Amino acid sequence: MKRIPIIDIRSFVLLLILVLIISFVRLYS
């Protein structure tokens, strides 16, 4: 039985986007 909670996926995606934005900002500045 594999249960993947939607909340976990959403939080993971949010974290990934945050890291991407931070790296992008650091690259630009």
PDB file of N, CA and C in Angstrom:
ATOM      1  N   MET A   1       0.843  -1.203   0.000  1.00  0.00           N
ATOM      2  CA  MET A   1       0.000   0.000   0.000  1.00  0.00           C
ATOM      3  C   MET A   1       0.880   1.255   0.000  1.00  0.00           C
ATOM      4  N   LYS A   2       0.760   2.019  -1.040  1.00  0.00           N
ATOM      5  CA  LYS A   2       1.534   3.262  -1.123  1.00  0.00           C
ATOM      6  C   LYS A   2       0.586   4.447  -1.029  1.00  0.00           C
ATOM      7  N   ARG A   3       0.787   5.237   0.006  1.00  0.00           N
ATOM      8  CA  ARG A   3      -0.058   6.419   0.188  1.00  0.00           C
ATOM      9  C   ARG A   3       0.801   7.675   0.104  1.00  0.00           C
ATOM     10  N   ILE A   4       0.501   8.508  -0.877  1.00  0.00           N
ATOM     11  CA  ILE A   4       1.249   9.754  -1.046  1.00  0.00           C
ATOM     12  C   ILE A   4       0.289  10.915  -0.765  1.00  0.00           C
ATOM     13  N   PRO A   5       0.449  11.559   0.371  1.00  0.00           N
ATOM     14  CA  PRO A   5      -0.445  12.671   0.706  1.00  0.00           C
ATOM     15  C   PRO A   5      -0.223  13.873  -0.220  1.00  0.00           C
ATOM     16  N   ILE A   6      -1.311  14.505  -0.609  1.00  0.00           N
ATOM     17  CA  ILE A   6      -1.237  15.656  -1.515  1.00  0.00           C
ATOM     18  C   ILE A   6      -0.510  16.814  -0.828  1.00  0.00           C
ATOM     19  N   ILE A   7      -0.731  16.964   0.464  1.00  0.00           N
ATOM     20  CA  ILE A   7      -0.108  18.051   1.225  1.00  0.00           C
ATOM     21  C   ILE A   7       1.418  17.916   1.171  1.00  0.00           C
ATOM     22  N   ASP A   8       1.910  16.688   1.288  1.00  0.00           N
ATOM     23  CA  ASP A   8       3.352  16.441   1.260  1.00  0.00           C
ATOM     24  C   ASP A   8       3.939  16.834  -0.100  1.00  0.00           C
ATOM     25  N   ILE A   9       3.244  16.468  -1.168  1.00  0.00           N
ATOM     26  CA  ILE A   9       3.704  16.791  -2.521  1.00  0.00           C
ATOM     27  C   ILE A   9       3.699  18.308  -2.719  1.00  0.00           C
ATOM     28  N   ARG A  10       2.643  18.963  -2.259  1.00  0.00           N
ATOM     29  CA  ARG A  10       2.533  20.416  -2.419  1.00  0.00           C
ATOM     30  C   ARG A  10       3.637  21.135  -1.660  1.00  0.00           C
ATOM     31  N   SER A  11       3.903  20.694  -0.443  1.00  0.00           N
ATOM     32  CA  SER A  11       4.958  21.316   0.364  1.00  0.00           C
ATOM     33  C   SER A  11       6.331  21.096  -0.274  1.00  0.00           C
ATOM     34  N   PHE A  12       6.515  19.916  -0.857  1.00  0.00           N
ATOM     35  CA  PHE A  12       7.781  19.604  -1.525  1.00  0.00           C
ATOM     36  C   PHE A  12       7.982  20.501  -2.744  1.00  0.00           C
ATOM     37  N   VAL A  13       6.921  20.671  -3.526  1.00  0.00           N
ATOM     38  CA  VAL A  13       6.982  21.532  -4.714  1.00  0.00           C
ATOM     39  C   VAL A  13       7.252  22.978  -4.297  1.00  0.00           C
ATOM     40  N   LEU A  14       6.591  23.423  -3.240  1.00  0.00           N
ATOM     41  CA  LEU A  14       6.802  24.787  -2.744  1.00  0.00           C
ATOM     42  C   LEU A  14       8.249  24.997  -2.316  1.00  0.00           C
ATOM     43  N   LEU A  15       8.794  24.023  -1.639  1.00  0.00           N
ATOM     44  CA  LEU A  15      10.183  24.097  -1.186  1.00  0.00           C
ATOM     45  C   LEU A  15      11.131  24.158  -2.386  1.00  0.00           C
ATOM     46  N   LEU A  16      10.843  23.356  -3.398  1.00  0.00           N
ATOM     47  CA  LEU A  16      11.673  23.315  -4.600  1.00  0.00           C
ATOM     48  C   LEU A  16      11.661  24.674  -5.305  1.00  0.00           C
ATOM     49  N   ILE A  17      10.476  25.267  -5.430  1.00  0.00           N
ATOM     50  CA  ILE A  17      10.333  26.580  -6.069  1.00  0.00           C
ATOM     51  C   ILE A  17      11.092  27.637  -5.268  1.00  0.00           C
ATOM     52  N   LEU A  18      10.995  27.555  -3.954  1.00  0.00           N
ATOM     53  CA  LEU A  18      11.687  28.511  -3.088  1.00  0.00           C
ATOM     54  C   LEU A  18      13.197  28.441  -3.296  1.00  0.00           C
ATOM     55  N   VAL A  19      13.732  27.241  -3.338  1.00  0.00           N
ATOM     56  CA  VAL A  19      15.172  27.039  -3.548  1.00  0.00           C
ATOM     57  C   VAL A  19      15.582  27.560  -4.928  1.00  0.00           C
ATOM     58  N   LEU A  20      14.757  27.319  -5.918  1.00  0.00           N
ATOM     59  CA  LEU A  20      15.038  27.794  -7.277  1.00  0.00           C
ATOM     60  C   LEU A  20      15.090  29.317  -7.318  1.00  0.00           C
ATOM     61  N   ILE A  21      14.125  29.962  -6.687  1.00  0.00           N
ATOM     62  CA  ILE A  21      14.064  31.425  -6.658  1.00  0.00           C
ATOM     63  C   ILE A  21      15.283  31.995  -5.935  1.00  0.00           C
ATOM     64  N   ILE A  22      15.648  31.394  -4.817  1.00  0.00           N
ATOM     65  CA  ILE A  22      16.799  31.860  -4.029  1.00  0.00           C
ATOM     66  C   ILE A  22      18.089  31.749  -4.851  1.00  0.00           C
ATOM     67  N   SER A  23      18.265  30.629  -5.520  1.00  0.00           N
ATOM     68  CA  SER A  23      19.466  30.434  -6.340  1.00  0.00           C
ATOM     69  C   SER A  23      19.482  31.414  -7.517  1.00  0.00           C
ATOM     70  N   PHE A  24      18.301  31.681  -8.078  1.00  0.00           N
ATOM     71  CA  PHE A  24      18.189  32.620  -9.197  1.00  0.00           C
ATOM     72  C   PHE A  24      18.555  34.033  -8.750  1.00  0.00           C
ATOM     73  N   VAL A  25      18.062  34.426  -7.585  1.00  0.00           N
ATOM     74  CA  VAL A  25      18.341  35.761  -7.033  1.00  0.00           C
ATOM     75  C   VAL A  25      19.831  35.900  -6.721  1.00  0.00           C
ATOM     76  N   ARG A  26      20.407  34.856  -6.164  1.00  0.00           N
ATOM     77  CA  ARG A  26      21.847  34.888  -5.835  1.00  0.00           C
ATOM     78  C   ARG A  26      22.677  34.995  -7.113  1.00  0.00           C
ATOM     79  N   LEU A  27      22.247  34.335  -8.156  1.00  0.00           N
ATOM     80  CA  LEU A  27      22.969  34.370  -9.425  1.00  0.00           C
ATOM     81  C   LEU A  27      22.898  35.779 -10.037  1.00  0.00           C
ATOM     82  N   TYR A  28      21.749  36.420  -9.894  1.00  0.00           N
ATOM     83  CA  TYR A  28      21.564  37.747 -10.470  1.00  0.00           C
ATOM     84  C   TYR A  28      22.301  38.826  -9.690  1.00  0.00           C
ATOM     85  N   SER A  29      22.369  38.680  -8.361  1.00  0.00           N
ATOM     86  CA  SER A  29      23.056  39.692  -7.552  1.00  0.00           C
ATOM     87  C   SER A  29      24.521  39.319  -7.332  1.00  0.00           C
TER      88      SER A  29
END
